[in-house]
Amino acid sequence: YLAQPVKNPTAANKAEQTVRNAIFAIEAKKHPVPFNPKNLGPNINTKNWEYFPYMTPDGKWLAFTRLQNNQEDLYIAYKTDTSYSIATSFGEIINSGENEGAETMNADGTFLFFTSCNKMDGYGSCDIYYSRKINNQWSRPGGIGKPVNSPAWEAQPSFSSDSKALYFTSNRKGGFGGKDVWVCYLDENMKFGEPQNLGPNINTAYDDQCPFIHADNQTLYFTSNGWPGMGGGDIFVSRKTDTGWTKAENVGYPINTENDDNAMTVSYDGKTAFLVSNREGGFGGLDIYSFDLPENLRPQKITFIKAIVKDANTKQLLNANYSIIDLDTKKEIYKGVTIDGSFFVSIELNKNYALQIQKEKYLFYSQNINLKESASKQKPYELEILLEPLTANSK
C-alpha cells in the first residue's frame, strides 16, 4: 500500500505504524524478557472481569475495578503474608448505579480518586471524583472540579506517593492527538494547578493512557498504541529526570502481546508487577495477575517513611511541620505539614537522612535514619512520633 502513488493520508499513517510494529515484534520475539504470571486467585478474580489493579504505596491494600452485570464497581482486598483477603466492595457510598472504576489512593489509603462517567454534577462524559476516609467511613464522593475536570474525557487517575501530583488521561485540547497523559501538581493548600501535558517522549498522535506513577515519584508506566509495539496497546516505561521524561521504552515480549495490554502497576519495592489478562487458565473474562518485574524495568530502589505524629501525653493527633534532610548533601529533600497527623514519603536506599518534626509549643524532634547500613533490607519505616509539650524544665 505504501508503494502506491496516491494514498489516503490517514490510511498511510496506519500502514506505516503497522510496518513499525511488525519490525519491532520480529525483534522483540527474538529477545523475550522473563515473564512468570501468577493468577491472584479466587479471593480477587471471579467469572466476572477484574481490571485496573492498584496497590497502595505501603503494599497493604489492592484495589481494583470489577465489571459485573454491565456495571463497574470498586473493590478492595488486604494483602496478607501469603495471599489476599476476600475482596469487598467499597460500599454504596462510593459505588452508585453509575460506573465507578480506575482508582488510585494516597499512601495510607485514606484518600481515594476514581473515574465516574455520566454523573449529573459532571463536566463531561467521564470525570475524576474523590472521597476521604473519616472514622473508617468513606465520605460521599465529589468531583475534583476544574482545572482537572473539563467538558472533555478525564479518567484513570494516578496519585503520587508524596500527595503532590495527580497523573491522569484526557483527550482535552492541547495534546498530541487521541488520549494523552497529563499531570496536575498540588500546592500547599491541596489545590490543583493547571494540567500539564507530559510531552512528546510519552504522548503520541494515538492513544496514550493508563498512567501509573510509582512510589519513587520518578518512574511512570503507561499504555500506548502509538509507540512501536507488538500490536494493540502495549505497556511502556519512562523515567523523570532533571530535564523531563525519558523516551518511552517498551517493556518487551511476552509481557506485551498482540492483544491490548494495559494498566500495569508495580509494588513499592519494585519487584512485583500487576497486570490484567484474559489468558487461558483464569477464572473467566479479565483476571489480575502478578509477576516478577525484570531488573531493568524496575523503578528506583526505595523504601518509605510512614509516620504518625501525636501529643506524647494526650495521644492526640498533631499537624506539625516535618522535613527530611539528606545528610551527605545537606539538602532538604522533603518539607511539608502532616495531614490528620500523618505523612508518607519515599526515600532512596544507600543514603543517610535526618527526620525533623517541629510544632509550636512542643519540643523539637529529630531522628537519624541511616539506610547505608541497612540498604539491603528495604524495610519500611513505620513510626509513631510522640511530641513532648513545652513545659518548665523540659529538655
Protein backbone atom coordinates (compact mmCIF):
# COMPACT_ATOMS: atom_id res chain seq x y z
CA TYR A 1 0.00 0.00 0.00
CA LEU A 2 2.79 2.44 0.90
CA ALA A 3 4.25 1.96 -2.61
CA GLN A 4 1.05 3.30 -4.23
CA PRO A 5 1.48 6.76 -5.81
CA VAL A 6 -1.85 8.05 -4.41
CA LYS A 7 -2.68 7.31 -0.78
CA ASN A 8 -5.19 8.40 1.84
CA PRO A 9 -3.06 10.20 4.50
CA THR A 10 -4.86 8.53 7.43
CA ALA A 11 -4.52 5.08 5.89
CA ALA A 12 -0.87 5.75 5.02
CA ASN A 13 -0.14 6.65 8.67
CA LYS A 14 -1.83 3.44 9.76
CA ALA A 15 0.17 1.41 7.25
CA GLU A 16 3.44 2.97 8.41
CA GLN A 17 2.53 2.20 12.03
CA THR A 18 1.71 -1.42 11.12
CA VAL A 19 5.13 -1.82 9.49
CA ARG A 20 6.86 -0.27 12.53
CA ASN A 21 5.02 -2.66 14.85
CA ALA A 22 5.87 -5.68 12.65
CA ILE A 23 9.59 -4.78 12.63
CA PHE A 24 9.53 -4.25 16.42
CA ALA A 25 7.63 -7.52 17.06
CA ILE A 26 10.08 -9.61 14.98
CA GLU A 27 13.00 -8.34 17.08
CA ALA A 28 11.11 -8.50 20.40
CA LYS A 29 10.23 -12.16 19.88
CA LYS A 30 13.92 -12.92 19.33
CA HIS A 31 14.74 -11.39 22.74
CA PRO A 32 11.92 -12.31 25.15
CA VAL A 33 12.04 -10.91 28.68
CA PRO A 34 11.47 -13.13 31.76
CA PHE A 35 7.74 -13.45 32.50
CA ASN A 36 6.06 -15.75 35.03
CA PRO A 37 2.46 -14.53 35.52
CA LYS A 38 0.58 -15.87 38.56
CA ASN A 39 -3.19 -15.54 38.87
CA LEU A 40 -4.09 -13.72 42.11
CA GLY A 41 -6.65 -16.42 42.87
CA PRO A 42 -10.35 -16.69 43.78
CA ASN A 43 -10.27 -14.04 46.55
CA ILE A 44 -9.64 -11.44 43.83
CA ASN A 45 -10.66 -12.94 40.48
CA THR A 46 -14.10 -14.28 39.56
CA LYS A 47 -16.02 -15.26 36.43
CA ASN A 48 -16.61 -11.51 36.00
CA TRP A 49 -14.00 -9.05 34.71
CA GLU A 50 -11.39 -7.68 37.15
CA TYR A 51 -9.03 -4.97 35.95
CA PHE A 52 -7.28 -1.67 36.80
CA PRO A 53 -5.29 -3.11 39.74
CA TYR A 54 -3.86 -0.57 42.16
CA MET A 55 -1.50 -1.38 45.06
CA THR A 56 -1.18 1.31 47.73
CA PRO A 57 2.41 2.55 48.17
CA ASP A 58 2.70 0.83 51.56
CA GLY A 59 1.90 -2.50 49.88
CA LYS A 60 -1.02 -3.28 52.21
CA TRP A 61 -4.10 -2.84 50.02
CA LEU A 62 -5.00 -3.93 46.49
CA ALA A 63 -7.87 -2.02 44.91
CA PHE A 64 -9.38 -2.85 41.51
CA THR A 65 -12.40 -2.49 39.24
CA ARG A 66 -14.92 -5.31 38.77
CA LEU A 67 -17.40 -5.42 35.85
CA GLN A 68 -20.50 -7.35 36.90
CA ASN A 69 -23.87 -7.27 35.10
CA ASN A 70 -22.62 -4.43 32.86
CA GLN A 71 -21.86 -2.39 35.99
CA GLU A 72 -18.38 -1.21 37.04
CA ASP A 73 -17.69 -1.02 40.78
CA LEU A 74 -14.64 -0.57 43.01
CA TYR A 75 -13.36 -3.40 45.22
CA ILE A 76 -10.51 -3.70 47.71
CA ALA A 77 -8.56 -6.50 49.42
CA TYR A 78 -5.96 -6.59 52.20
CA LYS A 79 -2.54 -8.11 51.44
CA THR A 80 -1.70 -10.90 53.84
CA ASP A 81 1.68 -12.61 54.22
CA THR A 82 0.80 -15.28 51.67
CA SER A 83 -2.23 -14.06 49.70
CA TYR A 84 -5.13 -11.57 49.82
CA SER A 85 -8.28 -11.27 51.88
CA ILE A 86 -11.58 -11.81 50.06
CA ALA A 87 -12.18 -8.64 48.05
CA THR A 88 -15.05 -6.50 49.28
CA SER A 89 -16.94 -3.65 47.68
CA PHE A 90 -16.06 -0.06 48.61
CA GLY A 91 -19.74 0.17 49.58
CA GLU A 92 -22.82 2.03 48.47
CA ILE A 93 -21.43 5.48 49.26
CA ILE A 94 -18.71 5.01 46.58
CA ASN A 95 -20.36 2.52 44.22
CA SER A 96 -23.51 4.00 42.72
CA GLY A 97 -25.89 2.96 39.94
CA GLU A 98 -23.37 4.51 37.51
CA ASN A 99 -19.92 3.13 36.66
CA GLU A 100 -17.01 3.69 39.06
CA GLY A 101 -13.52 2.46 38.22
CA ALA A 102 -9.83 3.13 37.57
CA GLU A 103 -8.91 4.06 41.13
CA THR A 104 -5.87 5.45 42.95
CA MET A 105 -5.24 6.28 46.60
CA ASN A 106 -2.88 8.27 48.75
CA ALA A 107 -0.10 6.50 50.61
CA ASP A 108 -2.06 5.43 53.67
CA GLY A 109 -5.33 4.62 51.88
CA THR A 110 -7.39 7.47 53.34
CA PHE A 111 -7.90 9.46 50.11
CA LEU A 112 -9.50 7.86 47.05
CA PHE A 113 -9.57 9.18 43.48
CA PHE A 114 -11.52 7.34 40.79
CA THR A 115 -13.26 7.72 37.45
CA SER A 116 -17.02 8.09 37.14
CA CYS A 117 -18.99 8.81 33.99
CA ASN A 118 -22.25 10.50 33.07
CA LYS A 119 -22.84 11.98 36.53
CA MET A 120 -25.38 14.76 36.86
CA ASP A 121 -22.76 17.01 38.52
CA GLY A 122 -20.03 16.12 35.99
CA TYR A 123 -18.35 18.40 33.47
CA GLY A 124 -18.20 15.91 30.57
CA SER A 125 -18.50 12.24 29.66
CA CYS A 126 -16.09 10.99 32.35
CA ASP A 127 -14.63 12.93 35.27
CA ILE A 128 -12.37 12.28 38.25
CA TYR A 129 -14.01 12.09 41.68
CA TYR A 130 -12.61 11.83 45.19
CA SER A 131 -13.59 10.64 48.66
CA ARG A 132 -11.93 10.75 52.09
CA LYS A 133 -11.96 8.03 54.74
CA ILE A 134 -13.05 9.59 58.04
CA ASN A 135 -13.51 7.39 61.12
CA ASN A 136 -13.16 4.35 58.85
CA GLN A 137 -16.04 5.52 56.62
CA TRP A 138 -15.78 6.89 53.08
CA SER A 139 -17.29 10.32 52.57
CA ARG A 140 -19.79 10.96 49.82
CA PRO A 141 -17.76 11.44 46.59
CA GLY A 142 -17.44 14.77 44.86
CA GLY A 143 -15.89 15.80 41.56
CA ILE A 144 -12.42 17.34 41.89
CA GLY A 145 -13.63 20.12 39.61
CA LYS A 146 -11.64 22.48 37.42
CA PRO A 147 -8.92 22.68 36.22
CA VAL A 148 -8.64 18.86 36.09
CA ASN A 149 -12.20 18.03 35.02
CA SER A 150 -13.42 19.63 31.80
CA PRO A 151 -16.04 19.04 29.08
CA ALA A 152 -13.52 16.55 27.59
CA TRP A 153 -12.86 12.99 28.86
CA GLU A 154 -10.80 12.72 32.08
CA ALA A 155 -10.09 9.32 33.60
CA GLN A 156 -7.57 6.83 35.03
CA PRO A 157 -6.02 8.94 37.82
CA SER A 158 -2.71 8.01 39.49
CA PHE A 159 -1.79 9.88 42.69
CA SER A 160 1.86 10.33 43.69
CA SER A 161 3.04 8.83 46.98
CA ASP A 162 4.03 12.29 48.29
CA SER A 163 0.49 13.60 47.58
CA LYS A 164 1.87 16.37 45.35
CA ALA A 165 0.87 15.24 41.84
CA LEU A 166 -2.13 13.67 40.11
CA TYR A 167 -1.47 11.97 36.76
CA PHE A 168 -4.47 11.24 34.54
CA THR A 169 -5.63 10.57 30.98
CA SER A 170 -7.57 13.07 28.88
CA ASN A 171 -8.47 13.81 25.28
CA ARG A 172 -8.68 17.54 26.05
CA LYS A 173 -7.36 20.15 23.62
CA GLY A 174 -3.67 20.98 23.65
CA GLY A 175 -2.45 17.39 23.46
CA PHE A 176 -0.71 15.42 20.73
CA GLY A 177 -3.87 13.68 19.48
CA GLY A 178 -6.12 10.94 20.83
CA LYS A 179 -5.76 10.39 24.57
CA ASP A 180 -2.72 11.83 26.35
CA VAL A 181 -1.19 11.53 29.80
CA TRP A 182 -1.32 14.76 31.83
CA VAL A 183 -0.21 15.81 35.31
CA CYS A 184 -1.58 18.33 37.81
CA TYR A 185 0.52 19.48 40.77
CA LEU A 186 -0.98 20.35 44.15
CA ASP A 187 0.07 23.38 46.16
CA GLU A 188 0.47 23.52 49.95
CA ASN A 189 -3.30 24.07 50.32
CA MET A 190 -4.06 20.90 48.32
CA LYS A 191 -5.33 22.98 45.39
CA PHE A 192 -4.72 21.68 41.86
CA GLY A 193 -2.73 23.78 39.41
CA GLU A 194 -3.25 23.84 35.65
CA PRO A 195 -2.80 20.42 33.97
CA GLN A 196 0.49 19.92 32.11
CA ASN A 197 0.93 17.57 29.16
CA LEU A 198 3.78 15.09 29.76
CA GLY A 199 5.18 15.83 26.31
CA PRO A 200 6.38 14.00 23.17
CA ASN A 201 8.57 11.43 24.94
CA ILE A 202 5.35 9.90 26.32
CA ASN A 203 2.41 11.13 24.24
CA THR A 204 1.82 10.36 20.55
CA ALA A 205 -0.79 11.14 17.91
CA TYR A 206 -2.62 7.97 19.02
CA ASP A 207 -3.84 6.85 22.49
CA ASP A 208 -1.51 7.09 25.50
CA GLN A 209 -3.27 6.22 28.72
CA CYS A 210 -3.47 4.17 31.98
CA PRO A 211 -0.64 6.05 33.76
CA PHE A 212 0.81 4.62 36.96
CA ILE A 213 3.38 6.69 38.83
CA HIS A 214 5.48 4.51 41.11
CA ALA A 215 6.07 5.41 44.76
CA ASP A 216 9.58 6.62 43.80
CA ASN A 217 7.75 9.51 42.03
CA GLN A 218 10.15 9.14 39.09
CA THR A 219 9.08 6.00 37.21
CA LEU A 220 5.94 6.09 35.07
CA TYR A 221 4.31 3.04 33.48
CA PHE A 222 1.60 3.60 30.88
CA THR A 223 -0.17 2.07 27.87
CA SER A 224 0.18 3.29 24.29
CA ASN A 225 -0.80 2.18 20.80
CA GLY A 226 1.28 4.97 19.26
CA TRP A 227 4.84 3.84 20.04
CA PRO A 228 6.25 0.77 18.20
CA GLY A 229 4.91 -2.36 19.88
CA MET A 230 3.51 -5.84 19.49
CA GLY A 231 0.18 -4.54 18.17
CA GLY A 232 -2.81 -3.09 20.02
CA GLY A 233 -1.92 -1.30 23.24
CA ASP A 234 1.48 -2.09 24.80
CA ILE A 235 2.92 -1.18 28.21
CA PHE A 236 5.79 1.32 28.31
CA VAL A 237 8.03 2.86 30.96
CA SER A 238 9.50 6.37 31.20
CA ARG A 239 11.65 7.94 33.91
CA LYS A 240 11.62 11.50 35.19
CA THR A 241 14.94 13.37 35.01
CA ASP A 242 16.02 16.95 35.73
CA THR A 243 15.21 17.87 32.14
CA GLY A 244 11.93 15.98 31.62
CA TRP A 245 10.81 12.44 30.84
CA THR A 246 12.93 9.83 29.07
CA LYS A 247 11.68 8.44 25.77
CA ALA A 248 9.04 5.70 26.19
CA GLU A 249 10.58 2.22 26.44
CA ASN A 250 8.54 -0.87 25.54
CA VAL A 251 8.63 -3.36 28.45
CA GLY A 252 9.03 -6.21 25.96
CA TYR A 253 7.58 -9.54 24.88
CA PRO A 254 5.86 -11.63 26.27
CA ILE A 255 4.70 -9.06 28.87
CA ASN A 256 3.30 -7.28 25.82
CA THR A 257 1.43 -9.35 23.22
CA GLU A 258 -0.54 -8.74 20.04
CA ASN A 259 -3.58 -8.12 22.28
CA ASP A 260 -4.26 -4.97 24.28
CA ASP A 261 -2.03 -4.95 27.36
CA ASN A 262 -2.64 -2.20 29.86
CA ALA A 263 -2.95 -0.90 33.40
CA MET A 264 0.30 -2.26 34.84
CA THR A 265 1.15 -1.26 38.40
CA VAL A 266 4.26 -2.05 40.47
CA SER A 267 4.81 -2.70 44.20
CA TYR A 268 6.80 -0.17 46.22
CA ASP A 269 9.90 -2.43 46.34
CA GLY A 270 9.82 -2.62 42.52
CA LYS A 271 9.97 -6.40 42.45
CA THR A 272 6.33 -7.31 41.72
CA ALA A 273 4.15 -6.01 38.90
CA PHE A 274 0.42 -6.48 38.37
CA LEU A 275 -1.40 -6.57 35.06
CA VAL A 276 -4.63 -7.77 33.54
CA SER A 277 -5.08 -10.65 31.10
CA ASN A 278 -7.75 -12.95 29.67
CA ARG A 279 -5.19 -15.76 29.16
CA GLU A 280 -6.26 -19.40 29.41
CA GLY A 281 -6.47 -20.94 32.87
CA GLY A 282 -8.10 -17.91 34.51
CA PHE A 283 -11.45 -17.63 36.26
CA GLY A 284 -13.21 -16.05 33.27
CA GLY A 285 -13.05 -12.74 31.42
CA LEU A 286 -10.21 -10.49 32.51
CA ASP A 287 -8.20 -11.52 35.59
CA ILE A 288 -5.47 -9.77 37.58
CA TYR A 289 -2.02 -11.42 37.56
CA SER A 290 1.24 -10.69 39.35
CA PHE A 291 4.74 -11.36 38.04
CA ASP A 292 8.38 -10.66 38.87
CA LEU A 293 9.38 -7.46 37.09
CA PRO A 294 12.68 -7.80 35.18
CA GLU A 295 15.52 -5.86 36.82
CA ASN A 296 15.98 -3.33 34.01
CA LEU A 297 12.30 -2.31 34.16
CA ARG A 298 12.21 -1.74 37.89
CA PRO A 299 11.85 1.69 39.50
CA GLN A 300 14.49 3.28 41.66
CA LYS A 301 15.29 1.31 44.83
CA ILE A 302 13.41 3.00 47.63
CA THR A 303 11.85 2.45 50.97
CA PHE A 304 9.42 4.73 52.74
CA ILE A 305 8.77 6.53 55.98
CA LYS A 306 5.18 6.39 57.15
CA ALA A 307 4.81 8.42 60.33
CA ILE A 308 2.03 9.44 62.64
CA VAL A 309 2.61 12.40 64.98
CA LYS A 310 0.91 12.58 68.39
CA ASP A 311 0.97 14.57 71.61
CA ALA A 312 3.09 12.49 73.99
CA ASN A 313 0.64 13.00 76.87
CA THR A 314 -2.84 13.01 75.33
CA LYS A 315 -2.00 10.86 72.25
CA GLN A 316 -4.00 13.40 70.20
CA LEU A 317 -3.02 13.56 66.50
CA LEU A 318 -0.98 16.66 65.69
CA ASN A 319 -0.49 18.59 62.48
CA ALA A 320 3.19 19.53 62.57
CA ASN A 321 5.93 20.66 60.18
CA TYR A 322 8.23 17.89 59.00
CA SER A 323 11.41 17.89 56.93
CA ILE A 324 13.80 15.21 55.72
CA ILE A 325 17.43 16.13 55.05
CA ASP A 326 19.99 14.19 53.03
CA LEU A 327 22.92 14.32 55.44
CA ASP A 328 25.52 13.76 52.69
CA THR A 329 24.44 16.74 50.58
CA LYS A 330 22.85 18.73 53.47
CA LYS A 331 19.85 19.27 51.16
CA GLU A 332 16.27 19.29 52.41
CA ILE A 333 14.55 16.76 50.15
CA TYR A 334 11.08 16.90 51.74
CA LYS A 335 9.24 19.64 53.57
CA GLY A 336 5.60 19.63 54.49
CA VAL A 337 2.84 19.61 57.09
CA THR A 338 1.25 16.41 58.37
CA ILE A 339 -2.34 15.74 57.26
CA ASP A 340 -4.51 14.32 60.06
CA GLY A 341 -1.30 13.78 61.99
CA SER A 342 0.41 11.60 59.40
CA PHE A 343 2.74 11.78 56.42
CA PHE A 344 4.28 9.39 53.92
CA VAL A 345 7.49 9.92 51.95
CA SER A 346 9.54 7.62 49.76
CA ILE A 347 13.32 7.77 50.17
CA GLU A 348 16.27 6.29 48.29
CA LEU A 349 18.34 3.48 49.74
CA ASN A 350 22.10 3.80 50.44
CA LYS A 351 21.71 7.24 51.99
CA ASN A 352 21.80 8.81 55.43
CA TYR A 353 18.85 11.00 56.45
CA ALA A 354 17.69 13.22 59.28
CA LEU A 355 13.98 13.40 60.03
CA GLN A 356 12.89 16.54 61.88
CA ILE A 357 9.48 17.47 63.32
CA GLN A 358 8.57 20.92 64.62
CA LYS A 359 5.42 22.33 66.16
CA GLU A 360 4.83 25.46 68.22
CA LYS A 361 4.64 24.80 71.97
CA TYR A 362 6.34 21.40 71.57
CA LEU A 363 9.95 20.27 71.87
CA PHE A 364 11.91 19.86 68.65
CA TYR A 365 12.13 16.23 67.45
CA SER A 366 14.97 14.79 65.37
CA GLN A 367 15.81 11.23 64.31
CA ASN A 368 18.61 9.75 62.20
CA ILE A 369 17.66 7.16 59.55
CA ASN A 370 20.78 5.55 58.14
CA LEU A 371 19.97 3.48 55.06
CA LYS A 372 23.62 2.93 54.20
CA GLU A 373 23.84 0.27 56.90
CA SER A 374 20.51 -1.44 56.20
CA ALA A 375 20.19 -0.78 52.47
CA SER A 376 19.67 -4.43 51.57
CA LYS A 377 16.56 -4.79 53.75
CA GLN A 378 14.37 -2.20 52.02
CA LYS A 379 12.11 -2.41 55.06
CA PRO A 380 9.62 0.42 55.50
CA TYR A 381 9.90 2.73 58.48
CA GLU A 382 6.51 2.99 60.19
CA LEU A 383 6.98 5.46 63.02
CA GLU A 384 4.85 6.75 65.87
CA ILE A 385 6.36 10.09 66.86
CA LEU A 386 5.40 11.48 70.26
CA LEU A 387 5.99 15.21 70.64
CA GLU A 388 6.63 16.48 74.18
CA PRO A 389 4.76 19.66 75.09
CA LEU A 390 6.97 22.57 76.16
CA THR A 391 6.91 22.79 79.94
CA ALA A 392 9.21 24.30 82.55
CA ASN A 393 12.49 22.37 82.86
CA SER A 394 11.74 20.13 79.85
CA LYS A 395 14.65 19.37 77.51
